[in-house]
N, C-alpha and C. Protein backbone atom coordinates (compact mmCIF):
# COMPACT_ATOMS: atom_id res chain seq x y z
N MET A 1 41.93 75.75 135.40
CA MET A 1 43.25 76.20 135.68
C MET A 1 44.25 75.57 134.70
N GLU A 2 44.03 74.29 134.49
CA GLU A 2 44.87 73.55 133.55
C GLU A 2 44.78 74.20 132.17
N HIS A 3 43.62 74.62 131.82
CA HIS A 3 43.40 75.26 130.54
C HIS A 3 44.20 76.57 130.43
N LEU A 4 44.24 77.35 131.53
CA LEU A 4 45.00 78.60 131.53
C LEU A 4 46.49 78.34 131.39
N LYS A 5 46.98 77.30 132.10
CA LYS A 5 48.40 76.95 131.99
C LYS A 5 48.73 76.53 130.57
N ASP A 6 47.84 75.74 130.00
CA ASP A 6 48.06 75.27 128.63
C ASP A 6 48.06 76.45 127.66
N HIS A 7 47.14 77.39 127.87
CA HIS A 7 47.05 78.58 127.02
C HIS A 7 48.30 79.46 127.17
N ALA A 8 48.75 79.66 128.43
CA ALA A 8 49.95 80.46 128.70
C ALA A 8 51.17 79.79 128.09
N GLY A 9 51.24 78.47 128.18
CA GLY A 9 52.36 77.73 127.60
C GLY A 9 52.41 77.89 126.10
N ARG A 10 51.24 77.85 125.45
CA ARG A 10 51.19 78.03 124.00
C ARG A 10 51.60 79.46 123.61
N GLN A 11 51.18 80.41 124.44
CA GLN A 11 51.55 81.80 124.18
C GLN A 11 53.07 81.98 124.30
N ASN A 12 53.66 81.37 125.34
CA ASN A 12 55.12 81.45 125.52
C ASN A 12 55.83 80.77 124.35
N ASP A 13 55.32 79.61 123.95
CA ASP A 13 55.92 78.91 122.81
C ASP A 13 55.85 79.77 121.56
N SER A 14 54.70 80.42 121.38
CA SER A 14 54.52 81.28 120.22
C SER A 14 55.51 82.45 120.25
N GLN A 15 55.68 83.04 121.41
CA GLN A 15 56.63 84.15 121.54
C GLN A 15 58.07 83.67 121.33
N LEU A 16 58.38 82.50 121.89
CA LEU A 16 59.73 81.94 121.71
C LEU A 16 59.98 81.64 120.23
N ASN A 17 58.99 81.07 119.58
CA ASN A 17 59.14 80.79 118.15
C ASN A 17 59.33 82.08 117.35
N SER A 18 58.63 83.13 117.75
CA SER A 18 58.77 84.42 117.09
C SER A 18 60.19 84.97 117.30
N LEU A 19 60.72 84.82 118.52
CA LEU A 19 62.09 85.27 118.80
C LEU A 19 63.11 84.46 118.01
N ILE A 20 62.88 83.15 117.93
CA ILE A 20 63.78 82.30 117.14
C ILE A 20 63.75 82.74 115.68
N SER A 21 62.58 83.06 115.20
CA SER A 21 62.45 83.53 113.82
C SER A 21 63.23 84.83 113.61
N GLU A 22 63.14 85.78 114.55
CA GLU A 22 63.89 87.04 114.45
C GLU A 22 65.40 86.78 114.47
N ILE A 23 65.82 85.86 115.35
CA ILE A 23 67.25 85.52 115.43
C ILE A 23 67.71 84.90 114.12
N ASN A 24 66.90 84.04 113.54
CA ASN A 24 67.27 83.42 112.26
C ASN A 24 67.40 84.46 111.15
N VAL A 25 66.50 85.44 111.15
CA VAL A 25 66.59 86.50 110.14
C VAL A 25 67.89 87.28 110.31
N LEU A 26 68.21 87.63 111.56
CA LEU A 26 69.47 88.35 111.81
C LEU A 26 70.68 87.50 111.42
N SER A 27 70.62 86.23 111.74
CA SER A 27 71.73 85.32 111.39
C SER A 27 71.90 85.25 109.88
N ASP A 28 70.80 85.16 109.16
CA ASP A 28 70.88 85.15 107.69
C ASP A 28 71.51 86.44 107.17
N ARG A 29 71.15 87.55 107.78
CA ARG A 29 71.74 88.82 107.33
C ARG A 29 73.25 88.82 107.52
N PHE A 30 73.73 88.23 108.62
CA PHE A 30 75.17 88.18 108.85
C PHE A 30 75.87 87.21 107.92
N HIS A 31 75.22 86.12 107.57
CA HIS A 31 75.89 85.08 106.79
C HIS A 31 75.65 85.15 105.29
N HIS A 32 74.53 85.68 104.87
CA HIS A 32 74.20 85.63 103.45
C HIS A 32 74.16 86.98 102.76
N VAL A 33 73.83 87.98 103.47
CA VAL A 33 73.73 89.30 102.87
C VAL A 33 75.11 89.95 102.94
N SER A 34 75.54 90.51 101.82
CA SER A 34 76.84 91.18 101.83
C SER A 34 76.74 92.44 102.68
N VAL A 35 77.71 92.60 103.53
CA VAL A 35 77.73 93.75 104.42
C VAL A 35 78.25 94.95 103.62
N VAL A 36 77.52 96.03 103.69
CA VAL A 36 77.93 97.25 103.00
C VAL A 36 79.13 97.82 103.75
N GLU A 37 80.13 98.26 102.98
CA GLU A 37 81.32 98.83 103.61
C GLU A 37 80.92 100.09 104.37
N PRO A 38 81.31 100.17 105.63
CA PRO A 38 80.95 101.36 106.42
C PRO A 38 81.51 102.64 105.81
N TYR A 39 80.80 103.72 106.02
CA TYR A 39 81.18 105.02 105.47
C TYR A 39 82.58 105.42 105.92
N PHE A 40 82.92 105.13 107.18
CA PHE A 40 84.22 105.59 107.67
C PHE A 40 85.37 104.90 106.95
N LEU A 41 85.17 103.66 106.47
CA LEU A 41 86.23 103.00 105.70
C LEU A 41 86.38 103.66 104.33
N LYS A 42 85.26 104.00 103.72
CA LYS A 42 85.32 104.73 102.44
C LYS A 42 86.00 106.08 102.64
N SER A 43 85.65 106.74 103.74
CA SER A 43 86.24 108.04 104.05
C SER A 43 87.74 107.90 104.30
N LEU A 44 88.13 106.85 105.03
CA LEU A 44 89.55 106.61 105.30
C LEU A 44 90.31 106.33 104.01
N ASP A 45 89.72 105.54 103.12
CA ASP A 45 90.35 105.26 101.82
C ASP A 45 90.52 106.55 101.01
N LYS A 46 89.49 107.40 101.03
CA LYS A 46 89.58 108.68 100.30
C LYS A 46 90.69 109.55 100.89
N ARG A 47 90.78 109.58 102.21
CA ARG A 47 91.85 110.36 102.86
C ARG A 47 93.22 109.83 102.45
N ARG A 48 93.33 108.51 102.35
CA ARG A 48 94.60 107.89 101.94
C ARG A 48 94.99 108.35 100.54
N VAL A 49 94.03 108.28 99.62
CA VAL A 49 94.29 108.70 98.24
C VAL A 49 94.66 110.19 98.21
N ASP A 50 93.92 111.00 98.96
CA ASP A 50 94.21 112.44 99.01
C ASP A 50 95.60 112.70 99.59
N ALA A 51 95.97 111.94 100.62
CA ALA A 51 97.29 112.11 101.25
C ALA A 51 98.40 111.76 100.27
N TYR A 52 98.24 110.66 99.54
CA TYR A 52 99.26 110.29 98.54
C TYR A 52 99.35 111.36 97.45
N HIS A 53 98.22 111.91 97.07
CA HIS A 53 98.21 112.98 96.06
C HIS A 53 98.98 114.20 96.59
N THR A 54 98.74 114.55 97.84
CA THR A 54 99.44 115.68 98.46
C THR A 54 100.94 115.42 98.52
N ILE A 55 101.32 114.20 98.90
CA ILE A 55 102.74 113.84 98.95
C ILE A 55 103.36 113.92 97.56
N ASP A 56 102.66 113.41 96.55
CA ASP A 56 103.17 113.47 95.18
C ASP A 56 103.36 114.92 94.72
N GLN A 57 102.40 115.77 95.04
CA GLN A 57 102.52 117.19 94.67
C GLN A 57 103.71 117.83 95.38
N PHE A 58 103.87 117.53 96.66
CA PHE A 58 105.00 118.06 97.42
C PHE A 58 106.31 117.60 96.81
N TYR A 59 106.39 116.32 96.48
CA TYR A 59 107.60 115.76 95.87
C TYR A 59 107.92 116.48 94.56
N GLU A 60 106.91 116.62 93.70
CA GLU A 60 107.14 117.27 92.40
C GLU A 60 107.63 118.71 92.58
N THR A 61 107.03 119.44 93.51
CA THR A 61 107.44 120.82 93.76
C THR A 61 108.88 120.87 94.26
N GLN A 62 109.21 120.02 95.22
CA GLN A 62 110.57 120.01 95.76
C GLN A 62 111.58 119.59 94.71
N ARG A 63 111.22 118.62 93.90
CA ARG A 63 112.14 118.17 92.84
C ARG A 63 112.39 119.30 91.84
N ARG A 64 111.32 119.99 91.42
CA ARG A 64 111.48 121.12 90.49
C ARG A 64 112.37 122.20 91.11
N ASN A 65 112.15 122.50 92.39
CA ASN A 65 112.98 123.50 93.07
C ASN A 65 114.44 123.08 93.10
N PHE A 66 114.69 121.82 93.39
CA PHE A 66 116.06 121.32 93.45
C PHE A 66 116.71 121.35 92.07
N GLU A 67 115.96 120.92 91.05
CA GLU A 67 116.49 120.96 89.68
C GLU A 67 116.78 122.39 89.25
N GLN A 68 115.90 123.31 89.63
CA GLN A 68 116.12 124.73 89.29
C GLN A 68 117.37 125.24 90.00
N PHE A 69 117.56 124.87 91.25
CA PHE A 69 118.75 125.28 91.99
C PHE A 69 120.01 124.78 91.27
N ILE A 70 119.99 123.54 90.83
CA ILE A 70 121.16 122.97 90.13
C ILE A 70 121.39 123.70 88.81
N ARG A 71 120.32 123.95 88.05
CA ARG A 71 120.47 124.69 86.78
C ARG A 71 121.06 126.08 87.02
N GLU A 72 120.53 126.78 88.01
CA GLU A 72 121.02 128.13 88.31
C GLU A 72 122.48 128.10 88.74
N THR A 73 122.84 127.10 89.54
CA THR A 73 124.23 126.97 89.99
C THR A 73 125.14 126.67 88.80
N GLN A 74 124.71 125.78 87.94
CA GLN A 74 125.51 125.45 86.75
C GLN A 74 125.62 126.66 85.82
N ASP A 75 124.53 127.39 85.64
CA ASP A 75 124.57 128.59 84.80
C ASP A 75 125.56 129.62 85.36
N LYS A 76 125.52 129.79 86.67
CA LYS A 76 126.44 130.74 87.30
C LYS A 76 127.89 130.29 87.07
N GLN A 77 128.15 129.00 87.25
CA GLN A 77 129.51 128.50 87.04
C GLN A 77 129.93 128.64 85.58
N ARG A 78 129.00 128.37 84.68
CA ARG A 78 129.29 128.51 83.25
C ARG A 78 129.65 129.96 82.91
N LYS A 79 128.89 130.90 83.46
CA LYS A 79 129.17 132.33 83.22
C LYS A 79 130.53 132.72 83.80
N GLU A 80 130.85 132.20 84.97
CA GLU A 80 132.16 132.51 85.56
C GLU A 80 133.29 131.96 84.69
N ILE A 81 133.11 130.75 84.19
CA ILE A 81 134.13 130.15 83.31
C ILE A 81 134.27 130.97 82.04
N ASP A 82 133.14 131.37 81.45
CA ASP A 82 133.20 132.21 80.24
C ASP A 82 133.88 133.55 80.53
N HIS A 83 133.59 134.11 81.68
CA HIS A 83 134.22 135.37 82.08
C HIS A 83 135.74 135.20 82.20
N PHE A 84 136.16 134.11 82.82
CA PHE A 84 137.61 133.86 82.95
C PHE A 84 138.26 133.65 81.59
N ARG A 85 137.58 132.95 80.73
CA ARG A 85 138.12 132.72 79.39
C ARG A 85 138.35 134.06 78.67
N LEU A 86 137.35 134.94 78.73
CA LEU A 86 137.49 136.27 78.10
C LEU A 86 138.61 137.08 78.76
N LYS A 87 138.66 137.03 80.06
CA LYS A 87 139.68 137.79 80.79
C LYS A 87 141.08 137.31 80.43
N ILE A 88 141.24 135.99 80.36
CA ILE A 88 142.56 135.43 80.00
C ILE A 88 142.91 135.79 78.56
N ASN A 89 141.95 135.72 77.66
CA ASN A 89 142.20 136.12 76.27
C ASN A 89 142.62 137.59 76.19
N ASP A 90 141.95 138.44 76.96
CA ASP A 90 142.34 139.86 77.00
C ASP A 90 143.76 140.03 77.52
N LEU A 91 144.09 139.30 78.56
CA LEU A 91 145.43 139.41 79.13
C LEU A 91 146.50 138.92 78.16
N ILE A 92 146.17 137.88 77.40
CA ILE A 92 147.12 137.37 76.41
C ILE A 92 147.35 138.43 75.33
N GLN A 93 146.28 139.05 74.88
CA GLN A 93 146.42 140.06 73.82
C GLN A 93 147.13 141.31 74.32
N GLU A 94 146.82 141.73 75.54
CA GLU A 94 147.42 142.96 76.06
C GLU A 94 148.82 142.71 76.62
N GLN A 95 149.08 141.50 77.00
CA GLN A 95 150.37 141.10 77.57
C GLN A 95 150.78 141.98 78.74
N ASN A 96 149.81 142.28 79.59
CA ASN A 96 150.15 143.08 80.76
C ASN A 96 149.66 142.43 82.06
N ALA A 97 149.63 141.11 82.10
CA ALA A 97 149.19 140.41 83.30
C ALA A 97 150.31 140.38 84.32
N THR A 98 149.98 140.78 85.54
CA THR A 98 150.97 140.70 86.62
C THR A 98 150.92 139.30 87.21
N GLN A 99 151.98 138.94 87.89
CA GLN A 99 152.04 137.61 88.51
C GLN A 99 150.96 137.48 89.59
N ASP A 100 150.73 138.53 90.34
CA ASP A 100 149.69 138.50 91.38
C ASP A 100 148.30 138.28 90.77
N TYR A 101 148.05 138.93 89.67
CA TYR A 101 146.75 138.79 89.01
C TYR A 101 146.57 137.36 88.49
N LEU A 102 147.64 136.77 87.98
CA LEU A 102 147.58 135.38 87.50
C LEU A 102 147.30 134.43 88.65
N TYR A 103 147.93 134.67 89.80
CA TYR A 103 147.66 133.83 90.98
C TYR A 103 146.20 133.97 91.42
N LEU A 104 145.71 135.17 91.39
CA LEU A 104 144.31 135.41 91.75
C LEU A 104 143.37 134.67 90.79
N LEU A 105 143.65 134.73 89.51
CA LEU A 105 142.84 134.01 88.52
C LEU A 105 142.90 132.50 88.76
N LYS A 106 144.11 131.98 89.02
CA LYS A 106 144.26 130.54 89.27
C LYS A 106 143.45 130.11 90.50
N ASP A 107 143.54 130.89 91.57
CA ASP A 107 142.79 130.56 92.79
C ASP A 107 141.28 130.61 92.55
N THR A 108 140.85 131.61 91.82
CA THR A 108 139.42 131.74 91.53
C THR A 108 138.94 130.58 90.66
N ILE A 109 139.74 130.19 89.69
CA ILE A 109 139.38 129.06 88.82
C ILE A 109 139.32 127.78 89.65
N LYS A 110 140.23 127.62 90.60
CA LYS A 110 140.21 126.43 91.47
C LYS A 110 138.93 126.40 92.31
N LEU A 111 138.49 127.56 92.77
CA LEU A 111 137.24 127.62 93.55
C LEU A 111 136.04 127.22 92.70
N VAL A 112 136.01 127.70 91.47
CA VAL A 112 134.91 127.33 90.57
C VAL A 112 134.96 125.83 90.30
N GLU A 113 136.16 125.30 90.11
CA GLU A 113 136.31 123.86 89.87
C GLU A 113 135.84 123.06 91.09
N LYS A 114 136.19 123.53 92.27
CA LYS A 114 135.74 122.85 93.51
C LYS A 114 134.22 122.87 93.61
N ASP A 115 133.62 124.03 93.33
CA ASP A 115 132.15 124.13 93.35
C ASP A 115 131.52 123.16 92.35
N LEU A 116 132.13 123.06 91.19
CA LEU A 116 131.62 122.15 90.16
C LEU A 116 131.75 120.70 90.61
N ASN A 117 132.87 120.36 91.23
CA ASN A 117 133.07 119.00 91.73
C ASN A 117 132.14 118.67 92.90
N ASP A 118 131.80 119.68 93.69
CA ASP A 118 130.93 119.47 94.85
C ASP A 118 129.45 119.38 94.48
N LEU A 119 129.09 119.84 93.31
CA LEU A 119 127.68 119.90 92.91
C LEU A 119 126.95 118.56 93.04
N PRO A 120 127.54 117.43 92.62
CA PRO A 120 126.80 116.17 92.78
C PRO A 120 126.60 115.75 94.24
N TYR A 121 127.32 116.36 95.15
CA TYR A 121 127.26 115.95 96.55
C TYR A 121 126.49 116.92 97.43
N ILE A 122 125.72 117.77 96.81
CA ILE A 122 124.90 118.70 97.59
C ILE A 122 123.91 117.88 98.41
N GLN A 123 123.76 118.25 99.65
CA GLN A 123 122.85 117.52 100.52
C GLN A 123 121.59 118.33 100.77
N CYS A 124 120.54 117.60 100.95
CA CYS A 124 119.25 118.21 101.23
C CYS A 124 118.73 117.59 102.53
N ASN A 125 118.45 118.41 103.50
CA ASN A 125 117.92 117.90 104.77
C ASN A 125 116.41 117.75 104.65
N ILE A 126 115.96 116.52 104.80
CA ILE A 126 114.53 116.23 104.69
C ILE A 126 114.08 115.64 106.02
N ARG A 127 113.16 116.32 106.65
CA ARG A 127 112.63 115.80 107.90
C ARG A 127 111.62 114.70 107.60
N PRO A 128 111.52 113.71 108.49
CA PRO A 128 110.55 112.64 108.25
C PRO A 128 109.12 113.16 108.34
N LEU A 129 108.26 112.50 107.60
CA LEU A 129 106.84 112.83 107.65
C LEU A 129 106.26 112.31 108.96
N VAL A 130 105.64 113.17 109.71
CA VAL A 130 105.08 112.78 111.00
C VAL A 130 103.57 112.65 110.85
N ILE A 131 103.08 111.49 111.23
CA ILE A 131 101.64 111.25 111.18
C ILE A 131 101.15 111.12 112.61
N VAL A 132 100.19 111.91 112.97
CA VAL A 132 99.63 111.87 114.31
C VAL A 132 98.70 110.66 114.39
N GLU A 133 98.96 109.80 115.39
CA GLU A 133 98.20 108.55 115.50
C GLU A 133 96.70 108.78 115.70
N ASN A 134 96.32 109.81 116.43
CA ASN A 134 94.90 110.03 116.69
C ASN A 134 94.27 110.97 115.68
N LEU A 135 94.83 111.01 114.48
CA LEU A 135 94.30 111.84 113.41
C LEU A 135 92.88 111.40 113.04
N ALA A 136 92.64 110.10 113.11
CA ALA A 136 91.31 109.56 112.83
C ALA A 136 90.84 108.77 114.04
N THR A 137 89.62 108.97 114.43
CA THR A 137 89.05 108.23 115.56
C THR A 137 87.74 107.59 115.13
N ILE A 138 87.39 106.52 115.80
CA ILE A 138 86.14 105.81 115.48
C ILE A 138 85.15 106.10 116.60
N LYS A 139 83.96 106.52 116.20
CA LYS A 139 82.89 106.78 117.16
C LYS A 139 81.67 106.02 116.66
N PHE A 140 81.09 105.24 117.53
CA PHE A 140 79.96 104.39 117.16
C PHE A 140 78.68 105.08 117.60
N ASN A 141 77.86 105.47 116.63
CA ASN A 141 76.56 106.08 116.91
C ASN A 141 75.49 105.03 116.73
N LYS A 142 74.87 104.64 117.81
CA LYS A 142 73.81 103.64 117.74
C LYS A 142 72.52 104.28 117.26
N ILE A 143 71.79 103.51 116.49
CA ILE A 143 70.48 103.97 116.03
C ILE A 143 69.49 103.62 117.13
N SER A 144 68.79 104.60 117.64
CA SER A 144 67.85 104.34 118.72
C SER A 144 66.55 103.80 118.15
N GLN A 145 66.01 102.83 118.86
CA GLN A 145 64.73 102.25 118.45
C GLN A 145 63.69 102.64 119.48
N ASP A 146 62.70 103.35 119.04
CA ASP A 146 61.65 103.81 119.95
C ASP A 146 60.44 102.94 119.83
């Protein structure tokens, strides 16, 4: 009987030593082996880069649109000023400008001047970028050991 107990004790010691060895291997993996960056972090980083790229593209498009709007507005004002210049030159040569027509020209020129003065103060309403908090979720898929 003593022999069986001694044999069982050695078997338990052997199993315990084997478990300690497995634990030591796992511990070494945690402390010495570099952990590979999980796929979801790489994916999250890629999404970040893609999002910044999308924002940059949006910005460039909006900026071009705004610059085009300013150019078109300035061109329109320039054409109006040129038109008034020609009209006034015609009136000077023909010498048939009525007082009412001169008042109308003055008022119209004042409106163009006001538009020109207001151009630097054009406002653009920009809504804030909304990021949905649950856009990315973490799901842990365990590897089954059979």
